[in-house]
Each structure stands twice: as structure tokens, then as C-alpha cells.
């Protein structure tokens, strides 16, 4: 009986996580980018979301792209936002993946 309870709990947890993860996509990035463009002086949830995704990707992105010295975080956000705006076909992809594609397209690793 305990095993069945654990299995059910795991399935419910996985299902809840999958529903949440599905909403963190390029479409949400587009929504957040639209708010970011309007008013960065009074950040709300959507601006924080957008900047959080970009910051997380930049922090973990070693080896995916090569942002030059002197490029500001504001410039990095603009690159990602403009990419999201120009590529609606990416809106169904995960938010992190969209940000990586944007940054890799602008600043690829040169070997």
C-alpha cells in the first residue's frame, strides 16, 4: 500500500511540474519583453521574469556563447528581446532555450 501511495505522489508531482514547465516558454518571454520595453523603471513580475531568465542563461552559459567584455546586461536583454520579437516560431520552445539561441546567434563561440 505504501508503494502505491509513493507512486501516486510521484505521478502527481511530475504532472504538476510538467504543467508549470510548459508555461515557461518563448511566448511568456515575448509577453515579458513587451513589458520590459515599456517600463524598466518600475519593474513588475514580467520584467523580473524576463531579466531572471536572461541572467540565469548568462550565468550558466559558459561554452554556449561568447559575450564580449564591456557589453552591459541591458544590451544582453535587448538582444534576447529582439530575438524573441523577430522569431515567433520559437515561442513554443522553453524560455532558456530561446535565450541561448538569441545569444548564440549574436555572439557565437569562435574556435
Protein backbone atom coordinates (compact mmCIF):
# COMPACT_ATOMS: atom_id res chain seq x y z
CA UNK A 1 0.00 0.00 0.00
CA UNK A 2 2.87 2.38 0.80
CA UNK A 3 4.47 1.72 -2.56
CA UNK A 4 1.22 2.62 -4.32
CA UNK A 5 0.95 5.85 -2.31
CA UNK A 6 4.54 6.80 -3.19
CA UNK A 7 3.94 6.07 -6.89
CA UNK A 8 0.76 8.18 -6.92
CA UNK A 9 2.55 11.03 -5.12
CA UNK A 10 5.39 10.93 -7.64
CA UNK A 11 2.99 10.96 -10.59
CA UNK A 12 1.08 13.93 -9.18
CA UNK A 13 4.35 15.81 -8.56
CA UNK A 14 5.63 15.13 -12.06
CA UNK A 15 2.32 16.19 -13.57
CA UNK A 16 2.30 19.46 -11.60
CA UNK A 17 5.89 20.21 -12.59
CA UNK A 18 5.18 19.49 -16.26
CA UNK A 19 2.25 21.89 -16.28
CA UNK A 20 4.41 24.62 -14.72
CA UNK A 21 7.37 23.98 -17.01
CA UNK A 22 5.15 24.18 -20.07
CA UNK A 23 4.29 27.81 -19.27
CA UNK A 24 7.94 28.92 -19.16
CA UNK A 25 8.31 29.35 -22.90
CA UNK A 26 9.10 31.84 -25.63
CA UNK A 27 5.54 33.13 -25.59
CA UNK A 28 5.94 34.15 -21.97
CA UNK A 29 9.30 35.71 -22.87
CA UNK A 30 7.57 37.77 -25.56
CA UNK A 31 4.94 38.92 -23.07
CA UNK A 32 7.67 39.83 -20.57
CA UNK A 33 9.81 41.58 -23.23
CA UNK A 34 6.84 43.76 -24.18
CA UNK A 35 6.56 44.90 -20.55
CA UNK A 36 10.33 45.32 -20.27
CA UNK A 37 10.32 47.70 -23.24
CA UNK A 38 7.53 49.81 -21.75
CA UNK A 39 8.87 50.49 -18.26
CA UNK A 40 12.11 49.24 -16.75
CA UNK A 41 11.99 51.99 -14.11
CA UNK A 42 9.05 50.30 -12.35
CA UNK A 43 9.76 46.59 -12.62
CA UNK A 44 6.93 44.18 -12.09
CA UNK A 45 6.73 40.41 -12.23
CA UNK A 46 7.06 40.20 -16.01
CA UNK A 47 10.20 42.34 -16.12
CA UNK A 48 11.72 40.36 -13.28
CA UNK A 49 10.84 37.14 -15.08
CA UNK A 50 12.48 38.29 -18.31
CA UNK A 51 15.61 39.57 -16.60
CA UNK A 52 15.78 36.42 -14.46
CA UNK A 53 15.70 34.10 -17.46
CA UNK A 54 18.37 36.15 -19.25
CA UNK A 55 20.54 36.41 -16.12
CA UNK A 56 20.27 32.68 -15.48
CA UNK A 57 21.25 31.80 -19.03
CA UNK A 58 24.18 34.24 -18.97
CA UNK A 59 25.37 32.85 -15.63
CA UNK A 60 25.22 29.25 -16.81
CA UNK A 61 26.04 29.84 -20.47
CA UNK A 62 29.78 29.27 -20.46
CA UNK A 63 30.55 27.39 -23.65
CA UNK A 64 27.27 28.27 -25.41
CA UNK A 65 28.11 31.82 -26.49
CA UNK A 66 30.85 34.42 -26.03
CA UNK A 67 29.59 37.82 -24.84
CA UNK A 68 32.40 40.37 -25.33
CA UNK A 69 33.86 42.40 -22.48
CA UNK A 70 32.08 45.68 -21.90
CA UNK A 71 28.63 44.54 -23.05
CA UNK A 72 26.07 45.63 -20.46
CA UNK A 73 23.28 43.46 -19.10
CA UNK A 74 20.81 45.91 -20.66
CA UNK A 75 22.36 45.22 -24.08
CA UNK A 76 22.17 41.48 -23.49
CA UNK A 77 18.47 41.81 -22.57
CA UNK A 78 17.88 43.81 -25.75
CA UNK A 79 19.50 41.10 -27.88
CA UNK A 80 17.29 38.42 -26.33
CA UNK A 81 14.15 40.56 -26.52
CA UNK A 82 14.65 41.50 -30.15
CA UNK A 83 15.27 37.86 -31.00
CA UNK A 84 12.06 36.81 -29.25
CA UNK A 85 10.17 39.51 -31.13
CA UNK A 86 11.64 38.54 -34.51
CA UNK A 87 11.16 34.78 -34.10
CA UNK A 88 7.56 33.92 -33.18
CA UNK A 89 8.22 30.36 -34.34
CA UNK A 90 10.33 29.99 -31.18
CA UNK A 91 7.52 30.96 -28.80
CA UNK A 92 6.66 27.32 -28.13
CA UNK A 93 10.22 26.50 -27.04
CA UNK A 94 11.48 26.77 -23.46
CA UNK A 95 12.42 30.27 -22.30
CA UNK A 96 16.01 29.31 -21.54
CA UNK A 97 16.47 27.68 -24.94
CA UNK A 98 15.15 30.79 -26.70
CA UNK A 99 17.58 32.99 -24.74
CA UNK A 100 20.51 30.69 -25.57
CA UNK A 101 19.60 30.73 -29.27
CA UNK A 102 19.43 34.53 -29.22
CA UNK A 103 22.80 34.94 -27.53
CA UNK A 104 24.49 32.23 -29.58
CA UNK A 105 23.22 33.91 -32.75
CA UNK A 106 24.65 37.28 -31.72
CA UNK A 107 27.85 36.12 -30.03
CA UNK A 108 28.82 32.61 -31.20
CA UNK A 109 31.83 30.80 -29.81
CA UNK A 110 34.74 31.36 -32.19
CA UNK A 111 37.18 28.45 -32.22
